[in-house]
Amino acid sequence: MKKIAIVALVFLVGTLGVFAQNADNVAQWQFKFAKSSFEMGEEVELVFQVQLEKGWSLYSSDCKAKKGVEPTQFEFAENGSFAVTSTIVPVAPLAQKNEVEGAETTYFTQKGEFRTKVRLDDPNYDISGTIKGMLYNERLGKSIPFQKTFHFLN
């Protein structure tokens, strides 16, 4: 009886990695400025990069498919130290036509990048906010909604 319990425990622990995926393990984000020096009042480009665990994908911000898809969204916390001057632009997402809806699904695998521009209005800027979206693994038939906080501080 003890052997059966031990074998069951080893099996359970071994399979936990498959079922216990969370967004922080699947997607690692990095936030940076496109250039290293700039002046106040200047428009600067923000770069949001994501590395995805093998087999996982991230829906793009411009994804048009409707059913079961949550496009990646960026929300900025307004505080007067900056102003967003452009929309979020996904950089080279993959695209696949959904035959049922006729809409195009855009997504990233392995890595992805989004960019936008802001004007810096305060030398003590604090550009922050949240990224929301959905990660999915087609092979596992699994989707994970996520929310990630970002910061660009001086």
C-alpha atoms as a PDB file:
ATOM      1  CA  MET A   1       0.000   0.000   0.000  1.00  0.00           C
ATOM      2  CA  LYS A   2       2.883   2.376   0.835  1.00  0.00           C
ATOM      3  CA  LYS A   3       4.465   1.688  -2.572  1.00  0.00           C
ATOM      4  CA  ILE A   4       1.240   2.617  -4.362  1.00  0.00           C
ATOM      5  CA  ALA A   5       0.983   5.852  -2.374  1.00  0.00           C
ATOM      6  CA  ILE A   6       4.615   6.733  -3.138  1.00  0.00           C
ATOM      7  CA  VAL A   7       4.212   5.982  -6.856  1.00  0.00           C
ATOM      8  CA  ALA A   8       1.012   8.064  -6.960  1.00  0.00           C
ATOM      9  CA  LEU A   9       2.746  10.947  -5.169  1.00  0.00           C
ATOM     10  CA  VAL A  10       5.733  10.855  -7.555  1.00  0.00           C
ATOM     11  CA  PHE A  11       3.355  10.832 -10.550  1.00  0.00           C
ATOM     12  CA  LEU A  12       1.343  13.728  -9.129  1.00  0.00           C
ATOM     13  CA  VAL A  13       4.427  15.845  -8.439  1.00  0.00           C
ATOM     14  CA  GLY A  14       5.806  15.046 -11.902  1.00  0.00           C
ATOM     15  CA  THR A  15       2.654  16.222 -13.658  1.00  0.00           C
ATOM     16  CA  LEU A  16       2.140  19.390 -11.612  1.00  0.00           C
ATOM     17  CA  GLY A  17       4.326  21.390 -13.995  1.00  0.00           C
ATOM     18  CA  VAL A  18       1.934  20.711 -16.857  1.00  0.00           C
ATOM     19  CA  PHE A  19      -1.149  21.804 -14.927  1.00  0.00           C
ATOM     20  CA  ALA A  20       0.333  24.535 -12.732  1.00  0.00           C
ATOM     21  CA  GLN A  21       1.379  26.897 -15.512  1.00  0.00           C
ATOM     22  CA  ASN A  22       0.964  30.544 -14.637  1.00  0.00           C
ATOM     23  CA  ALA A  23       1.452  33.656 -16.717  1.00  0.00           C
ATOM     24  CA  ASP A  24       4.703  34.704 -14.988  1.00  0.00           C
ATOM     25  CA  ASN A  25       6.297  31.357 -15.890  1.00  0.00           C
ATOM     26  CA  VAL A  26       5.005  31.376 -19.467  1.00  0.00           C
ATOM     27  CA  ALA A  27       5.762  35.017 -20.389  1.00  0.00           C
ATOM     28  CA  GLN A  28       8.718  37.124 -19.214  1.00  0.00           C
ATOM     29  CA  TRP A  29       8.349  40.835 -19.964  1.00  0.00           C
ATOM     30  CA  GLN A  30      11.023  43.516 -20.369  1.00  0.00           C
ATOM     31  CA  PHE A  31      10.316  47.261 -20.624  1.00  0.00           C
ATOM     32  CA  LYS A  32      12.783  49.795 -22.042  1.00  0.00           C
ATOM     33  CA  PHE A  33      13.155  53.043 -23.958  1.00  0.00           C
ATOM     34  CA  ALA A  34      14.061  52.730 -27.659  1.00  0.00           C
ATOM     35  CA  LYS A  35      16.977  55.142 -27.098  1.00  0.00           C
ATOM     36  CA  SER A  36      19.029  55.815 -23.994  1.00  0.00           C
ATOM     37  CA  SER A  37      19.047  59.630 -23.880  1.00  0.00           C
ATOM     38  CA  PHE A  38      16.329  62.208 -24.475  1.00  0.00           C
ATOM     39  CA  GLU A  39      15.159  65.664 -23.404  1.00  0.00           C
ATOM     40  CA  MET A  40      12.061  66.746 -21.490  1.00  0.00           C
ATOM     41  CA  GLY A  41       9.197  67.549 -23.823  1.00  0.00           C
ATOM     42  CA  GLU A  42      10.634  65.170 -26.395  1.00  0.00           C
ATOM     43  CA  GLU A  43       8.609  62.300 -27.802  1.00  0.00           C
ATOM     44  CA  VAL A  44      10.216  58.973 -26.859  1.00  0.00           C
ATOM     45  CA  GLU A  45       9.400  55.434 -27.883  1.00  0.00           C
ATOM     46  CA  LEU A  46       8.583  52.777 -25.287  1.00  0.00           C
ATOM     47  CA  VAL A  47       9.409  49.145 -26.061  1.00  0.00           C
ATOM     48  CA  PHE A  48       7.537  46.243 -24.458  1.00  0.00           C
ATOM     49  CA  GLN A  49       9.225  42.894 -25.156  1.00  0.00           C
ATOM     50  CA  VAL A  50       7.990  39.454 -24.154  1.00  0.00           C
ATOM     51  CA  GLN A  51       9.733  36.065 -24.221  1.00  0.00           C
ATOM     52  CA  LEU A  52       7.316  33.127 -24.343  1.00  0.00           C
ATOM     53  CA  GLU A  53       7.876  29.606 -23.103  1.00  0.00           C
ATOM     54  CA  LYS A  54       8.070  27.048 -25.928  1.00  0.00           C
ATOM     55  CA  GLY A  55       4.630  26.076 -27.221  1.00  0.00           C
ATOM     56  CA  TRP A  56       2.895  29.191 -25.874  1.00  0.00           C
ATOM     57  CA  SER A  57       1.502  32.118 -27.872  1.00  0.00           C
ATOM     58  CA  LEU A  58       0.233  35.605 -27.062  1.00  0.00           C
ATOM     59  CA  TYR A  59      -2.638  37.290 -28.901  1.00  0.00           C
ATOM     60  CA  SER A  60      -1.542  40.603 -30.423  1.00  0.00           C
ATOM     61  CA  SER A  61      -3.053  43.992 -29.609  1.00  0.00           C
ATOM     62  CA  ASP A  62      -4.516  44.252 -33.119  1.00  0.00           C
ATOM     63  CA  CYS A  63      -6.196  40.825 -33.096  1.00  0.00           C
ATOM     64  CA  LYS A  64      -9.641  41.051 -34.750  1.00  0.00           C
ATOM     65  CA  ALA A  65     -10.999  37.544 -34.035  1.00  0.00           C
ATOM     66  CA  LYS A  66     -13.952  37.614 -31.647  1.00  0.00           C
ATOM     67  CA  LYS A  67     -14.737  34.193 -30.231  1.00  0.00           C
ATOM     68  CA  GLY A  68     -12.581  33.188 -27.239  1.00  0.00           C
ATOM     69  CA  VAL A  69      -9.818  35.675 -28.031  1.00  0.00           C
ATOM     70  CA  GLU A  70      -8.649  38.456 -25.732  1.00  0.00           C
ATOM     71  CA  PRO A  71      -6.316  40.871 -27.566  1.00  0.00           C
ATOM     72  CA  THR A  72      -3.405  42.261 -25.553  1.00  0.00           C
ATOM     73  CA  GLN A  73      -4.352  45.645 -24.069  1.00  0.00           C
ATOM     74  CA  PHE A  74      -2.173  48.369 -22.553  1.00  0.00           C
ATOM     75  CA  GLU A  75      -3.564  50.770 -19.970  1.00  0.00           C
ATOM     76  CA  PHE A  76      -1.466  53.728 -18.782  1.00  0.00           C
ATOM     77  CA  ALA A  77      -1.815  55.289 -15.309  1.00  0.00           C
ATOM     78  CA  GLU A  78      -2.117  59.010 -15.983  1.00  0.00           C
ATOM     79  CA  ASN A  79      -0.193  61.180 -13.520  1.00  0.00           C
ATOM     80  CA  GLY A  80       0.753  64.323 -15.481  1.00  0.00           C
ATOM     81  CA  SER A  81       4.409  63.371 -15.985  1.00  0.00           C
ATOM     82  CA  PHE A  82       3.872  62.091 -19.541  1.00  0.00           C
ATOM     83  CA  ALA A  83       1.325  61.986 -22.359  1.00  0.00           C
ATOM     84  CA  VAL A  84       0.739  59.023 -24.669  1.00  0.00           C
ATOM     85  CA  THR A  85       1.074  60.329 -28.246  1.00  0.00           C
ATOM     86  CA  SER A  86       0.504  57.200 -30.350  1.00  0.00           C
ATOM     87  CA  THR A  87      -1.360  53.915 -30.313  1.00  0.00           C
ATOM     88  CA  ILE A  88       0.253  50.619 -29.366  1.00  0.00           C
ATOM     89  CA  VAL A  89       1.906  49.042 -32.412  1.00  0.00           C
ATOM     90  CA  PRO A  90       2.633  45.298 -32.457  1.00  0.00           C
ATOM     91  CA  VAL A  91       5.915  44.564 -34.263  1.00  0.00           C
ATOM     92  CA  ALA A  92       5.621  41.782 -36.881  1.00  0.00           C
ATOM     93  CA  PRO A  93       2.970  39.514 -35.343  1.00  0.00           C
ATOM     94  CA  LEU A  94       2.055  36.281 -37.111  1.00  0.00           C
ATOM     95  CA  ALA A  95      -1.400  36.130 -38.713  1.00  0.00           C
ATOM     96  CA  GLN A  96      -3.891  33.359 -39.328  1.00  0.00           C
ATOM     97  CA  LYS A  97      -7.314  33.659 -40.973  1.00  0.00           C
ATOM     98  CA  ASN A  98     -10.182  32.231 -38.906  1.00  0.00           C
ATOM     99  CA  GLU A  99     -12.306  30.412 -41.497  1.00  0.00           C
ATOM    100  CA  VAL A 100     -15.445  30.381 -39.314  1.00  0.00           C
ATOM    101  CA  GLU A 101     -15.491  34.112 -38.486  1.00  0.00           C
ATOM    102  CA  GLY A 102     -13.573  35.344 -41.502  1.00  0.00           C
ATOM    103  CA  ALA A 103     -11.480  37.461 -39.127  1.00  0.00           C
ATOM    104  CA  GLU A 104      -7.713  37.472 -38.843  1.00  0.00           C
ATOM    105  CA  THR A 105      -6.079  36.281 -35.624  1.00  0.00           C
ATOM    106  CA  THR A 106      -2.718  37.955 -34.955  1.00  0.00           C
ATOM    107  CA  TYR A 107      -0.370  36.543 -32.346  1.00  0.00           C
ATOM    108  CA  PHE A 108       3.240  36.023 -31.242  1.00  0.00           C
ATOM    109  CA  THR A 109       5.162  32.810 -30.582  1.00  0.00           C
ATOM    110  CA  GLN A 110       8.546  32.588 -28.813  1.00  0.00           C
ATOM    111  CA  LYS A 111       8.887  36.378 -28.576  1.00  0.00           C
ATOM    112  CA  GLY A 112       6.890  39.500 -29.239  1.00  0.00           C
ATOM    113  CA  GLU A 113       7.280  43.250 -29.208  1.00  0.00           C
ATOM    114  CA  PHE A 114       4.944  46.220 -28.875  1.00  0.00           C
ATOM    115  CA  ARG A 115       5.845  49.911 -29.195  1.00  0.00           C
ATOM    116  CA  THR A 116       4.217  53.241 -28.474  1.00  0.00           C
ATOM    117  CA  LYS A 117       5.328  56.856 -28.094  1.00  0.00           C
ATOM    118  CA  VAL A 118       4.973  59.228 -25.158  1.00  0.00           C
ATOM    119  CA  ARG A 119       5.946  62.850 -24.546  1.00  0.00           C
ATOM    120  CA  LEU A 120       7.843  63.409 -21.296  1.00  0.00           C
ATOM    121  CA  ASP A 121       6.415  66.399 -19.397  1.00  0.00           C
ATOM    122  CA  ASP A 122       8.242  66.059 -16.060  1.00  0.00           C
ATOM    123  CA  PRO A 123      11.911  65.230 -15.332  1.00  0.00           C
ATOM    124  CA  ASN A 124      10.673  62.945 -12.531  1.00  0.00           C
ATOM    125  CA  TYR A 125       8.458  60.955 -14.876  1.00  0.00           C
ATOM    126  CA  ASP A 126       6.771  57.748 -13.784  1.00  0.00           C
ATOM    127  CA  ILE A 127       5.314  55.919 -16.750  1.00  0.00           C
ATOM    128  CA  SER A 128       3.379  52.941 -15.484  1.00  0.00           C
ATOM    129  CA  GLY A 129       0.308  50.884 -16.139  1.00  0.00           C
ATOM    130  CA  THR A 130      -0.916  47.387 -16.860  1.00  0.00           C
ATOM    131  CA  ILE A 131      -0.856  44.940 -19.726  1.00  0.00           C
ATOM    132  CA  LYS A 132      -3.777  42.510 -19.975  1.00  0.00           C
ATOM    133  CA  GLY A 133      -4.283  39.682 -22.400  1.00  0.00           C
ATOM    134  CA  MET A 134      -4.375  35.972 -23.002  1.00  0.00           C
ATOM    135  CA  LEU A 135      -1.647  33.388 -23.425  1.00  0.00           C
ATOM    136  CA  TYR A 136      -2.533  30.087 -25.054  1.00  0.00           C
ATOM    137  CA  ASN A 137      -1.021  26.704 -25.818  1.00  0.00           C
ATOM    138  CA  GLU A 138      -2.790  24.983 -28.685  1.00  0.00           C
ATOM    139  CA  ARG A 139      -1.147  21.602 -28.038  1.00  0.00           C
ATOM    140  CA  LEU A 140      -2.308  21.572 -24.404  1.00  0.00           C
ATOM    141  CA  GLY A 141      -5.655  23.169 -25.256  1.00  0.00           C
ATOM    142  CA  LYS A 142      -5.049  25.685 -22.483  1.00  0.00           C
ATOM    143  CA  SER A 143      -5.456  29.468 -22.181  1.00  0.00           C
ATOM    144  CA  ILE A 144      -4.219  31.685 -19.347  1.00  0.00           C
ATOM    145  CA  PRO A 145      -5.493  35.244 -18.884  1.00  0.00           C
ATOM    146  CA  PHE A 146      -2.821  37.557 -17.487  1.00  0.00           C
ATOM    147  CA  GLN A 147      -2.258  41.010 -16.091  1.00  0.00           C
ATOM    148  CA  LYS A 148       1.250  42.494 -15.832  1.00  0.00           C
ATOM    149  CA  THR A 149       2.310  45.827 -14.313  1.00  0.00           C
ATOM    150  CA  PHE A 150       4.940  47.887 -16.154  1.00  0.00           C
ATOM    151  CA  HIS A 151       7.142  50.821 -15.013  1.00  0.00           C
ATOM    152  CA  PHE A 152       9.479  53.256 -16.738  1.00  0.00           C
ATOM    153  CA  LEU A 153      10.995  55.396 -13.966  1.00  0.00           C
ATOM    154  CA  ASN A 154      13.516  58.217 -13.874  1.00  0.00           C
END
